[in-house]
Amino acid sequence: MTALDALAERVRRELELTAYPRPQWLTSRQHDGEPVVDVLIVGGGQAGLTVAFALKRRAITNTVILESAPAGAEGPWTTYAAMHTLRTPKGLTGPDQGLPALTPESWYRAAHGDDAWEAIQFIPKEHWQDYLVWFRAATEPRMRNDVAVTGIRDAGDGVLEVSHTGGRTFARRVVLATGMAGNGEWSVPPVIRAALPPQRYVHTGAPVDFRRFAGQRVGVLGGGASAFDYGASALEHGAASVDLFYRRAQVPRVNPFRWMEFYAFGAHFPDLPDEDKWKFTVQFARTNQPPPQQTWYRCTRWDTFAWHTAADWSAVRMDGDEIVVRAGADEFRFDAVISGTGPNVDLAARPELRDLAGRVAVWADRFTAPAGWEDNSLLGYPYLGPGFEFTERDRGSAPWLSRVHDFTYGARLSMGLNGNMNSGLGAGGRRLADALSRALFLEDRHRLFASYQDYDVAELVDLGRPADRVGMS
């Protein structure tokens, strides 16, 4: 028996040991002559797998994950992520939902050995993808790959109709687990998009063949870790030079995520008053996070790498075959540009959310920032309920929106650490699974009460005396 075989047996045993209570409490339903799943999860990466397993632990098993990517290629890890390792320290947990045999450490030690685990600080991204593939096999969610969701609408009778490239599926609840761009799209600033033909720039949220940069002068806008990773990858594939531009006056040195990684913050951020949620999120935007140290060295080891602070791009133009960028008081000339500017939040930009977009409440509808804490970039974030559910812009106009739960980057203002961050999978997955369980239980309360009234399984089956009784003296 291999170490991974032994670990799989441990998983099965731990699931048995922690399976109480066991009864399946939900019943199958139909709508329009078709079966209804209790929860449909859009996205089969780390967030979707975490939610499916957390639901399974609550005996909610009539679920399905729809994932647009082929099996084994879910998420960014083997597609567009250009880092060498995760940025979260190796001791992270979350998908496991507290089951020791399912933790990344347990898998890594079984797959690569104790010495290999002790030797690393961060898990290599390809190994993380391997872990997620193994996690899927170990937890056995019902999942369909190569299926893209195209729409979500109210079907009546407490059911949603989810349209997708494989047909349609009816569901009582829908979870969006579509990652960083799950509430919008990767954002290329207008200063780039309006000035350059599409073949002259790329975004860090798109797969790239970095050999395209061989021999080229590359300009990178953005100071996040992905911007550094893409710049380093360009240099490693023969770029003549890379210049990276910060809008900030100084390079961030402190990572606020490390402060956030304690249980209460992840579990109870959603319970904060709105003003506190807003201030935490604005403060994060003001400080941001640095690239990991090894990512910084990955770039600065090259003499042909330079970084520039307080250097936002005010103008971009073509001059013949050269790209001319004005940053501050200076002009720079490049052959190609990388936009490391992250995602925006715009529900209408997502095909599956276009029917919902104008009906969903956003923070601009519910909140006015106190003086000194204004940040217009946050106003379009969805204003979520305590279980990650969408809320109505006009109260009473579309109550079915509460059946759609947002476990993506767009949830961060309402919910804090959540499904698009490794450090948010544990607490976020538990809160979401509990919210779904609560909602389904409350909806089924009348059926459950009738079932309770009809329950007649006797435990006391013999009203006689035991055959081996001892007489009283």
Foldseek 3Di string as FASTA:
>chain_A
DALLVVLLVLLVVLCVVLQPPPDQDDDWDDDPRHTAAAEEEEFLPLQSLLLQLLLVSVNRQSYEYEAQAPPLCGDPLPFQQLDQFDPDWPQFAFSCLPRVSLGPVNVCCRVPNPVVVVPDGTGTSSVVSVSSSVSCVSRVHHYDYNKHWQAWDDPDPQWIWIQIPVGIHIYNFYEYLRAQCSQHFWDDDCQDVVADDPVQEEESVGGDDLLVQAQWEEEEEDFAQSSLSSLLSNVVNHHPAYEYEALAQDAADDACVVVQLDDCNLQCVLVDPLQVLLQVVLVCVVRPGHHPPVSVCSQVVDPRYYYYYNWHWPHWHDDPQWIWTHTPNDIDIINHYYYHPTYARQNCNRSHRVVPRVFFAFQLLPDDHDPPRDDVSRRRQTQADQLQFTATSDPPPCVSSRSYHYQYSSCCSNNNQGSNDSSNNNSRSNSNSVVSVVVVCVVCVVVVVVVVVVDDDDPPDDPDDDPPDDDDD
